[in-house]
Amino acid sequence: MKKWTRWEDWVAVGVGLVVVLSAFLMPQMGASMPWMIGAGALLIASGVVNLAMPGMVAMEYVQLALGAVLFLAPWLGGYADMQSGIAWVCWVGGAIAVIVAALAVRPAMHTHDRTLPH
């Protein structure tokens, strides 16, 4: 698997970027700003690491966990009001991040297995 070509990781970077930008562009509630900036920035970082070094299975699981944290952030940060667009950004972004990370685990394992000397 070549570097910088995995669509799953590009999607994760894009989700992180949307989440971080939404923290600045949408009206904030509760502790949404720090939760969104933190989770979004870490999602961007994990996506970039996965893009630069494909086959790191552990980073795929980190990315999956960050997606789950992003999904849970509205409840953890006290901004889970159903009328809040900011909460929906987290729920949808977190779900997308979890799904693409789950889809990327198997190819990462395959790449990792091929790079090990036998």
PDB file of N, CA and C in Angstrom:
ATOM      1  N   MET A   1       0.850  -1.168   0.000  1.00  0.00           N
ATOM      2  CA  MET A   1       0.000   0.000   0.000  1.00  0.00           C
ATOM      3  C   MET A   1       0.903   1.241   0.000  1.00  0.00           C
ATOM      4  N   LYS A   2       0.635   2.151  -0.910  1.00  0.00           N
ATOM      5  CA  LYS A   2       1.459   3.348  -1.033  1.00  0.00           C
ATOM      6  C   LYS A   2       1.020   4.425  -0.052  1.00  0.00           C
ATOM      7  N   LYS A   3       1.982   5.253   0.321  1.00  0.00           N
ATOM      8  CA  LYS A   3       1.695   6.362   1.230  1.00  0.00           C
ATOM      9  C   LYS A   3       0.780   7.380   0.564  1.00  0.00           C
ATOM     10  N   TRP A   4      -0.010   8.045   1.378  1.00  0.00           N
ATOM     11  CA  TRP A   4      -0.857   9.171   0.978  1.00  0.00           C
ATOM     12  C   TRP A   4      -1.938   8.804  -0.023  1.00  0.00           C
ATOM     13  N   THR A   5      -2.335   7.530  -0.093  1.00  0.00           N
ATOM     14  CA  THR A   5      -3.335   7.144  -1.085  1.00  0.00           C
ATOM     15  C   THR A   5      -4.599   6.533  -0.501  1.00  0.00           C
ATOM     16  N   ARG A   6      -4.644   6.266   0.797  1.00  0.00           N
ATOM     17  CA  ARG A   6      -5.804   5.568   1.374  1.00  0.00           C
ATOM     18  C   ARG A   6      -6.967   6.523   1.578  1.00  0.00           C
ATOM     19  N   TRP A   7      -8.073   6.238   0.928  1.00  0.00           N
ATOM     20  CA  TRP A   7      -9.232   7.125   0.993  1.00  0.00           C
ATOM     21  C   TRP A   7      -9.801   7.190   2.405  1.00  0.00           C
ATOM     22  N   GLU A   8      -9.739   6.082   3.157  1.00  0.00           N
ATOM     23  CA  GLU A   8     -10.287   6.078   4.510  1.00  0.00           C
ATOM     24  C   GLU A   8      -9.607   7.127   5.392  1.00  0.00           C
ATOM     25  N   ASP A   9      -8.308   7.237   5.255  1.00  0.00           N
ATOM     26  CA  ASP A   9      -7.563   8.200   6.074  1.00  0.00           C
ATOM     27  C   ASP A   9      -7.810   9.634   5.618  1.00  0.00           C
ATOM     28  N   TRP A  10      -7.989   9.836   4.324  1.00  0.00           N
ATOM     29  CA  TRP A  10      -8.334  11.170   3.834  1.00  0.00           C
ATOM     30  C   TRP A  10      -9.709  11.591   4.356  1.00  0.00           C
ATOM     31  N   VAL A  11     -10.629  10.647   4.429  1.00  0.00           N
ATOM     32  CA  VAL A  11     -11.952  10.955   4.980  1.00  0.00           C
ATOM     33  C   VAL A  11     -11.823  11.347   6.449  1.00  0.00           C
ATOM     34  N   ALA A  12     -11.010  10.631   7.211  1.00  0.00           N
ATOM     35  CA  ALA A  12     -10.814  10.953   8.625  1.00  0.00           C
ATOM     36  C   ALA A  12     -10.213  12.347   8.794  1.00  0.00           C
ATOM     37  N   VAL A  13      -9.243  12.689   7.958  1.00  0.00           N
ATOM     38  CA  VAL A  13      -8.652  14.033   8.004  1.00  0.00           C
ATOM     39  C   VAL A  13      -9.716  15.073   7.676  1.00  0.00           C
ATOM     40  N   GLY A  14     -10.522  14.800   6.666  1.00  0.00           N
ATOM     41  CA  GLY A  14     -11.588  15.731   6.293  1.00  0.00           C
ATOM     42  C   GLY A  14     -12.619  15.914   7.394  1.00  0.00           C
ATOM     43  N   VAL A  15     -13.010  14.835   8.048  1.00  0.00           N
ATOM     44  CA  VAL A  15     -13.957  14.925   9.161  1.00  0.00           C
ATOM     45  C   VAL A  15     -13.358  15.764  10.283  1.00  0.00           C
ATOM     46  N   GLY A  16     -12.106  15.510  10.612  1.00  0.00           N
ATOM     47  CA  GLY A  16     -11.454  16.294  11.660  1.00  0.00           C
ATOM     48  C   GLY A  16     -11.410  17.769  11.317  1.00  0.00           C
ATOM     49  N   LEU A  17     -11.126  18.072  10.067  1.00  0.00           N
ATOM     50  CA  LEU A  17     -11.075  19.467   9.628  1.00  0.00           C
ATOM     51  C   LEU A  17     -12.452  20.130   9.713  1.00  0.00           C
ATOM     52  N   VAL A  18     -13.490  19.433   9.283  1.00  0.00           N
ATOM     53  CA  VAL A  18     -14.854  19.968   9.373  1.00  0.00           C
ATOM     54  C   VAL A  18     -15.234  20.222  10.829  1.00  0.00           C
ATOM     55  N   VAL A  19     -14.880  19.311  11.705  1.00  0.00           N
ATOM     56  CA  VAL A  19     -15.220  19.458  13.120  1.00  0.00           C
ATOM     57  C   VAL A  19     -14.508  20.665  13.724  1.00  0.00           C
ATOM     58  N   VAL A  20     -13.218  20.807  13.449  1.00  0.00           N
ATOM     59  CA  VAL A  20     -12.468  21.949  13.988  1.00  0.00           C
ATOM     60  C   VAL A  20     -13.024  23.258  13.445  1.00  0.00           C
ATOM     61  N   LEU A  21     -13.279  23.336  12.150  1.00  0.00           N
ATOM     62  CA  LEU A  21     -13.827  24.563  11.572  1.00  0.00           C
ATOM     63  C   LEU A  21     -15.221  24.870  12.095  1.00  0.00           C
ATOM     64  N   SER A  22     -16.026  23.828  12.311  1.00  0.00           N
ATOM     65  CA  SER A  22     -17.373  24.028  12.846  1.00  0.00           C
ATOM     66  C   SER A  22     -17.333  24.608  14.253  1.00  0.00           C
ATOM     67  N   ALA A  23     -16.313  24.272  15.002  1.00  0.00           N
ATOM     68  CA  ALA A  23     -16.187  24.810  16.358  1.00  0.00           C
ATOM     69  C   ALA A  23     -16.078  26.332  16.339  1.00  0.00           C
ATOM     70  N   PHE A  24     -15.501  26.861  15.272  1.00  0.00           N
ATOM     71  CA  PHE A  24     -15.341  28.317  15.163  1.00  0.00           C
ATOM     72  C   PHE A  24     -16.500  28.993  14.423  1.00  0.00           C
ATOM     73  N   LEU A  25     -17.183  28.251  13.559  1.00  0.00           N
ATOM     74  CA  LEU A  25     -18.190  28.854  12.693  1.00  0.00           C
ATOM     75  C   LEU A  25     -19.624  28.703  13.177  1.00  0.00           C
ATOM     76  N   MET A  26     -19.870  27.790  14.107  1.00  0.00           N
ATOM     77  CA  MET A  26     -21.231  27.554  14.581  1.00  0.00           C
ATOM     78  C   MET A  26     -21.385  28.057  16.012  1.00  0.00           C
ATOM     79  N   PRO A  27     -22.612  28.400  16.414  1.00  0.00           N
ATOM     80  CA  PRO A  27     -22.821  28.833  17.798  1.00  0.00           C
ATOM     81  C   PRO A  27     -22.495  27.713  18.779  1.00  0.00           C
ATOM     82  N   GLN A  28     -21.762  28.053  19.805  1.00  0.00           N
ATOM     83  CA  GLN A  28     -21.291  27.060  20.767  1.00  0.00           C
ATOM     84  C   GLN A  28     -22.262  26.864  21.919  1.00  0.00           C
ATOM     85  N   MET A  29     -22.254  25.665  22.464  1.00  0.00           N
ATOM     86  CA  MET A  29     -23.071  25.330  23.627  1.00  0.00           C
ATOM     87  C   MET A  29     -22.197  24.524  24.581  1.00  0.00           C
ATOM     88  N   GLY A  30     -22.380  24.718  25.880  1.00  0.00           N
ATOM     89  CA  GLY A  30     -21.631  23.932  26.860  1.00  0.00           C
ATOM     90  C   GLY A  30     -20.140  24.009  26.605  1.00  0.00           C
ATOM     91  N   ALA A  31     -19.498  22.870  26.636  1.00  0.00           N
ATOM     92  CA  ALA A  31     -18.051  22.792  26.419  1.00  0.00           C
ATOM     93  C   ALA A  31     -17.738  22.299  25.012  1.00  0.00           C
ATOM     94  N   SER A  32     -18.550  22.691  24.040  1.00  0.00           N
ATOM     95  CA  SER A  32     -18.373  22.173  22.688  1.00  0.00           C
ATOM     96  C   SER A  32     -17.057  22.601  22.042  1.00  0.00           C
ATOM     97  N   MET A  33     -16.631  23.827  22.290  1.00  0.00           N
ATOM     98  CA  MET A  33     -15.408  24.318  21.641  1.00  0.00           C
ATOM     99  C   MET A  33     -14.187  23.445  21.982  1.00  0.00           C
ATOM    100  N   PRO A  34     -13.850  23.233  23.247  1.00  0.00           N
ATOM    101  CA  PRO A  34     -12.658  22.412  23.513  1.00  0.00           C
ATOM    102  C   PRO A  34     -12.807  20.954  23.076  1.00  0.00           C
ATOM    103  N   TRP A  35     -14.005  20.387  23.223  1.00  0.00           N
ATOM    104  CA  TRP A  35     -14.207  19.000  22.798  1.00  0.00           C
ATOM    105  C   TRP A  35     -14.021  18.862  21.298  1.00  0.00           C
ATOM    106  N   MET A  36     -14.586  19.795  20.541  1.00  0.00           N
ATOM    107  CA  MET A  36     -14.509  19.696  19.084  1.00  0.00           C
ATOM    108  C   MET A  36     -13.112  19.980  18.564  1.00  0.00           C
ATOM    109  N   ILE A  37     -12.468  20.980  19.118  1.00  0.00           N
ATOM    110  CA  ILE A  37     -11.108  21.285  18.669  1.00  0.00           C
ATOM    111  C   ILE A  37     -10.166  20.138  19.027  1.00  0.00           C
ATOM    112  N   GLY A  38     -10.292  19.631  20.240  1.00  0.00           N
ATOM    113  CA  GLY A  38      -9.412  18.535  20.668  1.00  0.00           C
ATOM    114  C   GLY A  38      -9.617  17.272  19.855  1.00  0.00           C
ATOM    115  N   ALA A  39     -10.861  16.815  19.765  1.00  0.00           N
ATOM    116  CA  ALA A  39     -11.134  15.582  19.032  1.00  0.00           C
ATOM    117  C   ALA A  39     -10.851  15.749  17.544  1.00  0.00           C
ATOM    118  N   GLY A  40     -11.221  16.892  16.974  1.00  0.00           N
ATOM    119  CA  GLY A  40     -10.967  17.137  15.554  1.00  0.00           C
ATOM    120  C   GLY A  40      -9.487  17.183  15.224  1.00  0.00           C
ATOM    121  N   ALA A  41      -8.714  17.882  16.048  1.00  0.00           N
ATOM    122  CA  ALA A  41      -7.265  17.981  15.809  1.00  0.00           C
ATOM    123  C   ALA A  41      -6.591  16.620  15.948  1.00  0.00           C
ATOM    124  N   LEU A  42      -6.994  15.839  16.944  1.00  0.00           N
ATOM    125  CA  LEU A  42      -6.415  14.502  17.098  1.00  0.00           C
ATOM    126  C   LEU A  42      -6.824  13.578  15.953  1.00  0.00           C
ATOM    127  N   LEU A  43      -8.025  13.745  15.447  1.00  0.00           N
ATOM    128  CA  LEU A  43      -8.468  12.952  14.300  1.00  0.00           C
ATOM    129  C   LEU A  43      -7.656  13.319  13.050  1.00  0.00           C
ATOM    130  N   ILE A  44      -7.390  14.609  12.869  1.00  0.00           N
ATOM    131  CA  ILE A  44      -6.539  15.031  11.751  1.00  0.00           C
ATOM    132  C   ILE A  44      -5.153  14.422  11.897  1.00  0.00           C
ATOM    133  N   ALA A  45      -4.580  14.510  13.097  1.00  0.00           N
ATOM    134  CA  ALA A  45      -3.229  13.986  13.329  1.00  0.00           C
ATOM    135  C   ALA A  45      -3.163  12.476  13.084  1.00  0.00           C
ATOM    136  N   SER A  46      -4.158  11.740  13.570  1.00  0.00           N
ATOM    137  CA  SER A  46      -4.135  10.288  13.364  1.00  0.00           C
ATOM    138  C   SER A  46      -4.302   9.938  11.883  1.00  0.00           C
ATOM    139  N   GLY A  47      -5.111  10.710  11.179  1.00  0.00           N
ATOM    140  CA  GLY A  47      -5.263  10.477   9.745  1.00  0.00           C
ATOM    141  C   GLY A  47      -3.981  10.731   8.976  1.00  0.00           C
ATOM    142  N   VAL A  48      -3.279  11.795   9.329  1.00  0.00           N
ATOM    143  CA  VAL A  48      -2.008  12.116   8.667  1.00  0.00           C
ATOM    144  C   VAL A  48      -0.960  11.045   8.965  1.00  0.00           C
ATOM    145  N   VAL A  49      -0.902  10.582  10.215  1.00  0.00           N
ATOM    146  CA  VAL A  49       0.041   9.509  10.556  1.00  0.00           C
ATOM    147  C   VAL A  49      -0.295   8.247   9.764  1.00  0.00           C
ATOM    148  N   ASN A  50      -1.572   7.908   9.672  1.00  0.00           N
ATOM    149  CA  ASN A  50      -1.973   6.733   8.901  1.00  0.00           C
ATOM    150  C   ASN A  50      -1.663   6.891   7.416  1.00  0.00           C
ATOM    151  N   LEU A  51      -1.807   8.101   6.905  1.00  0.00           N
ATOM    152  CA  LEU A  51      -1.476   8.342   5.498  1.00  0.00           C
ATOM    153  C   LEU A  51       0.024   8.226   5.247  1.00  0.00           C
ATOM    154  N   ALA A  52       0.818   8.736   6.176  1.00  0.00           N
ATOM    155  CA  ALA A  52       2.273   8.729   6.012  1.00  0.00           C
ATOM    156  C   ALA A  52       2.878   7.352   6.240  1.00  0.00           C
ATOM    157  N   MET A  53       2.254   6.566   7.125  1.00  0.00           N
ATOM    158  CA  MET A  53       2.804   5.245   7.465  1.00  0.00           C
ATOM    159  C   MET A  53       1.702   4.193   7.406  1.00  0.00           C
ATOM    160  N   PRO A  54       1.275   3.796   6.206  1.00  0.00           N
ATOM    161  CA  PRO A  54       0.210   2.792   6.112  1.00  0.00           C
ATOM    162  C   PRO A  54       0.672   1.457   6.698  1.00  0.00           C
ATOM    163  N   GLY A  55      -0.255   0.754   7.278  1.00  0.00           N
ATOM    164  CA  GLY A  55       0.076  -0.543   7.856  1.00  0.00           C
ATOM    165  C   GLY A  55       0.258  -0.510   9.356  1.00  0.00           C
ATOM    166  N   MET A  56       0.078   0.653   9.981  1.00  0.00           N
ATOM    167  CA  MET A  56       0.155   0.748  11.441  1.00  0.00           C
ATOM    168  C   MET A  56      -1.228   0.442  12.006  1.00  0.00           C
ATOM    169  N   VAL A  57      -1.448  -0.800  12.336  1.00  0.00           N
ATOM    170  CA  VAL A  57      -2.766  -1.252  12.761  1.00  0.00           C
ATOM    171  C   VAL A  57      -3.204  -0.528  14.032  1.00  0.00           C
ATOM    172  N   ALA A  58      -2.290  -0.304  14.944  1.00  0.00           N
ATOM    173  CA  ALA A  58      -2.629   0.364  16.207  1.00  0.00           C
ATOM    174  C   ALA A  58      -3.201   1.757  15.955  1.00  0.00           C
ATOM    175  N   MET A  59      -2.683   2.472  14.972  1.00  0.00           N
ATOM    176  CA  MET A  59      -3.193   3.814  14.680  1.00  0.00           C
ATOM    177  C   MET A  59      -4.604   3.766  14.111  1.00  0.00           C
ATOM    178  N   GLU A  60      -4.947   2.686  13.435  1.00  0.00           N
ATOM    179  CA  GLU A  60      -6.327   2.535  12.956  1.00  0.00           C
ATOM    180  C   GLU A  60      -7.280   2.431  14.139  1.00  0.00           C
ATOM    181  N   TYR A  61      -6.860   1.700  15.163  1.00  0.00           N
ATOM    182  CA  TYR A  61      -7.685   1.586  16.364  1.00  0.00           C
ATOM    183  C   TYR A  61      -7.741   2.905  17.130  1.00  0.00           C
ATOM    184  N   VAL A  62      -6.645   3.649  17.122  1.00  0.00           N
ATOM    185  CA  VAL A  62      -6.649   4.984  17.743  1.00  0.00           C
ATOM    186  C   VAL A  62      -7.652   5.873  17.016  1.00  0.00           C
ATOM    187  N   GLN A  63      -7.628   5.827  15.703  1.00  0.00           N
ATOM    188  CA  GLN A  63      -8.555   6.626  14.903  1.00  0.00           C
ATOM    189  C   GLN A  63     -10.002   6.211  15.179  1.00  0.00           C
ATOM    190  N   LEU A  64     -10.253   4.932  15.323  1.00  0.00           N
ATOM    191  CA  LEU A  64     -11.587   4.443  15.644  1.00  0.00           C
ATOM    192  C   LEU A  64     -12.020   4.963  17.024  1.00  0.00           C
ATOM    193  N   ALA A  65     -11.125   4.923  17.995  1.00  0.00           N
ATOM    194  CA  ALA A  65     -11.439   5.413  19.340  1.00  0.00           C
ATOM    195  C   ALA A  65     -11.711   6.916  19.326  1.00  0.00           C
ATOM    196  N   LEU A  66     -10.958   7.663  18.542  1.00  0.00           N
ATOM    197  CA  LEU A  66     -11.192   9.109  18.446  1.00  0.00           C
ATOM    198  C   LEU A  66     -12.549   9.410  17.821  1.00  0.00           C
ATOM    199  N   GLY A  67     -12.946   8.612  16.848  1.00  0.00           N
ATOM    200  CA  GLY A  67     -14.279   8.764  16.274  1.00  0.00           C
ATOM    201  C   GLY A  67     -15.358   8.505  17.308  1.00  0.00           C
ATOM    202  N   ALA A  68     -15.148   7.483  18.138  1.00  0.00           N
ATOM    203  CA  ALA A  68     -16.113   7.190  19.199  1.00  0.00           C
ATOM    204  C   ALA A  68     -16.169   8.326  20.222  1.00  0.00           C
ATOM    205  N   VAL A  69     -15.010   8.886  20.566  1.00  0.00           N
ATOM    206  CA  VAL A  69     -14.971  10.026  21.501  1.00  0.00           C
ATOM    207  C   VAL A  69     -15.712  11.215  20.898  1.00  0.00           C
ATOM    208  N   LEU A  70     -15.500  11.458  19.615  1.00  0.00           N
ATOM    209  CA  LEU A  70     -16.194  12.555  18.952  1.00  0.00           C
ATOM    210  C   LEU A  70     -17.708  12.327  18.977  1.00  0.00           C
ATOM    211  N   PHE A  71     -18.129  11.095  18.760  1.00  0.00           N
ATOM    212  CA  PHE A  71     -19.556  10.772  18.794  1.00  0.00           C
ATOM    213  C   PHE A  71     -20.146  11.007  20.195  1.00  0.00           C
ATOM    214  N   LEU A  72     -19.386  10.679  21.222  1.00  0.00           N
ATOM    215  CA  LEU A  72     -19.845  10.833  22.612  1.00  0.00           C
ATOM    216  C   LEU A  72     -19.669  12.249  23.156  1.00  0.00           C
ATOM    217  N   ALA A  73     -18.891  13.060  22.475  1.00  0.00           N
ATOM    218  CA  ALA A  73     -18.556  14.404  22.969  1.00  0.00           C
ATOM    219  C   ALA A  73     -19.762  15.269  23.328  1.00  0.00           C
ATOM    220  N   PRO A  74     -20.860  15.267  22.569  1.00  0.00           N
ATOM    221  CA  PRO A  74     -21.988  16.106  22.973  1.00  0.00           C
ATOM    222  C   PRO A  74     -22.535  15.756  24.360  1.00  0.00           C
ATOM    223  N   TRP A  75     -22.534  14.490  24.714  1.00  0.00           N
ATOM    224  CA  TRP A  75     -23.003  14.108  26.051  1.00  0.00           C
ATOM    225  C   TRP A  75     -21.940  14.418  27.099  1.00  0.00           C
ATOM    226  N   LEU A  76     -20.687  14.154  26.763  1.00  0.00           N
ATOM    227  CA  LEU A  76     -19.606  14.411  27.714  1.00  0.00           C
ATOM    228  C   LEU A  76     -19.404  15.903  27.953  1.00  0.00           C
ATOM    229  N   GLY A  77     -19.637  16.712  26.928  1.00  0.00           N
ATOM    230  CA  GLY A  77     -19.417  18.151  27.028  1.00  0.00           C
ATOM    231  C   GLY A  77     -20.658  18.958  27.357  1.00  0.00           C
ATOM    232  N   GLY A  78     -21.780  18.291  27.519  1.00  0.00           N
ATOM    233  CA  GLY A  78     -23.002  18.972  27.917  1.00  0.00           C
ATOM    234  C   GLY A  78     -23.656  19.806  26.822  1.00  0.00           C
ATOM    235  N   TYR A  79     -23.538  19.394  25.569  1.00  0.00           N
ATOM    236  CA  TYR A  79     -24.189  20.127  24.478  1.00  0.00           C
ATOM    237  C   TYR A  79     -24.971  19.191  23.557  1.00  0.00           C
ATOM    238  N   ALA A  80     -25.613  18.198  24.151  1.00  0.00           N
ATOM    239  CA  ALA A  80     -26.348  17.189  23.382  1.00  0.00           C
ATOM    240  C   ALA A  80     -27.790  17.592  23.095  1.00  0.00           C
ATOM    241  N   ASP A  81     -28.103  18.871  23.113  1.00  0.00           N
ATOM    242  CA  ASP A  81     -29.444  19.340  22.791  1.00  0.00           C
ATOM    243  C   ASP A  81     -29.759  18.950  21.347  1.00  0.00           C
ATOM    244  N   MET A  82     -30.864  18.264  21.123  1.00  0.00           N
ATOM    245  CA  MET A  82     -31.211  17.773  19.790  1.00  0.00           C
ATOM    246  C   MET A  82     -31.423  18.885  18.767  1.00  0.00           C
ATOM    247  N   GLN A  83     -31.668  20.084  19.220  1.00  0.00           N
ATOM    248  CA  GLN A  83     -31.856  21.205  18.302  1.00  0.00           C
ATOM    249  C   GLN A  83     -30.524  21.837  17.910  1.00  0.00           C
ATOM    250  N   SER A  84     -29.449  21.367  18.518  1.00  0.00           N
ATOM    251  CA  SER A  84     -28.141  21.965  18.290  1.00  0.00           C
ATOM    252  C   SER A  84     -27.465  21.360  17.060  1.00  0.00           C
ATOM    253  N   GLY A  85     -27.154  22.203  16.102  1.00  0.00           N
ATOM    254  CA  GLY A  85     -26.419  21.738  14.922  1.00  0.00           C
ATOM    255  C   GLY A  85     -25.018  21.294  15.266  1.00  0.00           C
ATOM    256  N   ILE A  86     -24.450  21.888  16.298  1.00  0.00           N
ATOM    257  CA  ILE A  86     -23.083  21.562  16.699  1.00  0.00           C
ATOM    258  C   ILE A  86     -23.002  20.116  17.200  1.00  0.00           C
ATOM    259  N   ALA A  87     -24.042  19.665  17.899  1.00  0.00           N
ATOM    260  CA  ALA A  87     -24.063  18.273  18.362  1.00  0.00           C
ATOM    261  C   ALA A  87     -24.166  17.318  17.170  1.00  0.00           C
ATOM    262  N   TRP A  88     -24.962  17.696  16.179  1.00  0.00           N
ATOM    263  CA  TRP A  88     -25.105  16.848  14.995  1.00  0.00           C
ATOM    264  C   TRP A  88     -23.795  16.726  14.224  1.00  0.00           C
ATOM    265  N   VAL A  89     -23.010  17.787  14.202  1.00  0.00           N
ATOM    266  CA  VAL A  89     -21.690  17.717  13.550  1.00  0.00           C
ATOM    267  C   VAL A  89     -20.855  16.634  14.228  1.00  0.00           C
ATOM    268  N   CYS A  90     -20.901  16.595  15.546  1.00  0.00           N
ATOM    269  CA  CYS A  90     -20.130  15.591  16.287  1.00  0.00           C
ATOM    270  C   CYS A  90     -20.674  14.183  16.073  1.00  0.00           C
ATOM    271  N   TRP A  91     -21.994  14.044  16.136  1.00  0.00           N
ATOM    272  CA  TRP A  91     -22.574  12.713  15.963  1.00  0.00           C
ATOM    273  C   TRP A  91     -22.303  12.147  14.580  1.00  0.00           C
ATOM    274  N   VAL A  92     -22.547  12.933  13.562  1.00  0.00           N
ATOM    275  CA  VAL A  92     -22.341  12.459  12.186  1.00  0.00           C
ATOM    276  C   VAL A  92     -20.844  12.274  11.904  1.00  0.00           C
ATOM    277  N   GLY A  93     -20.035  13.264  12.299  1.00  0.00           N
ATOM    278  CA  GLY A  93     -18.591  13.148  12.086  1.00  0.00           C
ATOM    279  C   GLY A  93     -17.995  11.969  12.826  1.00  0.00           C
ATOM    280  N   GLY A  94     -18.417  11.752  14.064  1.00  0.00           N
ATOM    281  CA  GLY A  94     -17.917  10.616  14.835  1.00  0.00           C
ATOM    282  C   GLY A  94     -18.307   9.288  14.216  1.00  0.00           C
ATOM    283  N   ALA A  95     -19.559   9.191  13.762  1.00  0.00           N
ATOM    284  CA  ALA A  95     -20.013   7.949  13.119  1.00  0.00           C
ATOM    285  C   ALA A  95     -19.229   7.680  11.840  1.00  0.00           C
ATOM    286  N   ILE A  96     -19.010   8.713  11.043  1.00  0.00           N
ATOM    287  CA  ILE A  96     -18.226   8.534   9.806  1.00  0.00           C
ATOM    288  C   ILE A  96     -16.805   8.104  10.139  1.00  0.00           C
ATOM    289  N   ALA A  97     -16.194   8.740  11.129  1.00  0.00           N
ATOM    290  CA  ALA A  97     -14.823   8.395  11.513  1.00  0.00           C
ATOM    291  C   ALA A  97     -14.727   6.950  12.000  1.00  0.00           C
ATOM    292  N   VAL A  98     -15.690   6.498  12.775  1.00  0.00           N
ATOM    293  CA  VAL A  98     -15.688   5.114  13.262  1.00  0.00           C
ATOM    294  C   VAL A  98     -15.838   4.145  12.088  1.00  0.00           C
ATOM    295  N   ILE A  99     -16.742   4.442  11.178  1.00  0.00           N
ATOM    296  CA  ILE A  99     -16.982   3.547  10.045  1.00  0.00           C
ATOM    297  C   ILE A  99     -15.746   3.444   9.151  1.00  0.00           C
ATOM    298  N   VAL A 100     -15.138   4.572   8.790  1.00  0.00           N
ATOM    299  CA  VAL A 100     -13.977   4.496   7.893  1.00  0.00           C
ATOM    300  C   VAL A 100     -12.776   3.865   8.589  1.00  0.00           C
ATOM    301  N   ALA A 101     -12.628   4.088   9.897  1.00  0.00           N
ATOM    302  CA  ALA A 101     -11.530   3.444  10.618  1.00  0.00           C
ATOM    303  C   ALA A 101     -11.750   1.934  10.672  1.00  0.00           C
ATOM    304  N   ALA A 102     -12.992   1.512  10.895  1.00  0.00           N
ATOM    305  CA  ALA A 102     -13.286   0.080  10.911  1.00  0.00           C
ATOM    306  C   ALA A 102     -13.020  -0.548   9.541  1.00  0.00           C
ATOM    307  N   LEU A 103     -13.341   0.177   8.481  1.00  0.00           N
ATOM    308  CA  LEU A 103     -13.064  -0.319   7.129  1.00  0.00           C
ATOM    309  C   LEU A 103     -11.573  -0.387   6.831  1.00  0.00           C
ATOM    310  N   ALA A 104     -10.775   0.427   7.511  1.00  0.00           N
ATOM    311  CA  ALA A 104      -9.336   0.496   7.236  1.00  0.00           C
ATOM    312  C   ALA A 104      -8.523  -0.510   8.043  1.00  0.00           C
ATOM    313  N   VAL A 105      -9.106  -1.123   9.062  1.00  0.00           N
ATOM    314  CA  VAL A 105      -8.343  -2.035   9.916  1.00  0.00           C
ATOM    315  C   VAL A 105      -7.849  -3.255   9.140  1.00  0.00           C
ATOM    316  N   ARG A 106      -8.723  -3.899   8.411  1.00  0.00           N
ATOM    317  CA  ARG A 106      -8.349  -5.124   7.691  1.00  0.00           C
ATOM    318  C   ARG A 106      -7.244  -4.865   6.649  1.00  0.00           C
ATOM    319  N   PRO A 107      -7.355  -3.826   5.790  1.00  0.00           N
ATOM    320  CA  PRO A 107      -6.257  -3.553   4.860  1.00  0.00           C
ATOM    321  C   PRO A 107      -4.946  -3.205   5.576  1.00  0.00           C
ATOM    322  N   ALA A 108      -5.040  -2.520   6.704  1.00  0.00           N
ATOM    323  CA  ALA A 108      -3.824  -2.192   7.458  1.00  0.00           C
ATOM    324  C   ALA A 108      -3.169  -3.459   7.991  1.00  0.00           C
ATOM    325  N   MET A 109      -3.972  -4.407   8.449  1.00  0.00           N
ATOM    326  CA  MET A 109      -3.425  -5.689   8.923  1.00  0.00           C
ATOM    327  C   MET A 109      -2.739  -6.434   7.786  1.00  0.00           C
ATOM    328  N   HIS A 110      -3.368  -6.413   6.617  1.00  0.00           N
ATOM    329  CA  HIS A 110      -2.792  -7.084   5.457  1.00  0.00           C
ATOM    330  C   HIS A 110      -1.464  -6.440   5.074  1.00  0.00           C
ATOM    331  N   THR A 111      -1.407  -5.122   5.048  1.00  0.00           N
ATOM    332  CA  THR A 111      -0.179  -4.403   4.719  1.00  0.00           C
ATOM    333  C   THR A 111       0.896  -4.692   5.766  1.00  0.00           C
ATOM    334  N   HIS A 112       0.498  -4.689   7.023  1.00  0.00           N
ATOM    335  CA  HIS A 112       1.435  -4.944   8.111  1.00  0.00           C
ATOM    336  C   HIS A 112       2.024  -6.358   7.993  1.00  0.00           C
ATOM    337  N   ASP A 113       1.189  -7.341   7.674  1.00  0.00           N
ATOM    338  CA  ASP A 113       1.650  -8.710   7.543  1.00  0.00           C
ATOM    339  C   ASP A 113       2.622  -8.880   6.384  1.00  0.00           C
ATOM    340  N   ARG A 114       2.376  -8.158   5.296  1.00  0.00           N
ATOM    341  CA  ARG A 114       3.267  -8.267   4.133  1.00  0.00           C
ATOM    342  C   ARG A 114       4.607  -7.611   4.361  1.00  0.00           C
ATOM    343  N   THR A 115       4.673  -6.607   5.253  1.00  0.00           N
ATOM    344  CA  THR A 115       5.933  -5.912   5.473  1.00  0.00           C
ATOM    345  C   THR A 115       6.823  -6.604   6.490  1.00  0.00           C
ATOM    346  N   LEU A 116       6.278  -7.563   7.233  1.00  0.00           N
ATOM    347  CA  LEU A 116       7.089  -8.286   8.207  1.00  0.00           C
ATOM    348  C   LEU A 116       7.966  -9.293   7.493  1.00  0.00           C
ATOM    349  N   PRO A 117       9.250  -9.397   7.889  1.00  0.00           N
ATOM    350  CA  PRO A 117      10.106 -10.419   7.281  1.00  0.00           C
ATOM    351  C   PRO A 117       9.702 -11.812   7.764  1.00  0.00           C
ATOM    352  N   HIS A 118       9.739 -12.771   6.859  1.00  0.00           N
ATOM    353  CA  HIS A 118       9.359 -14.146   7.213  1.00  0.00           C
ATOM    354  C   HIS A 118      10.563 -15.020   7.242  1.00  0.00           C
TER     355      HIS A 118
END
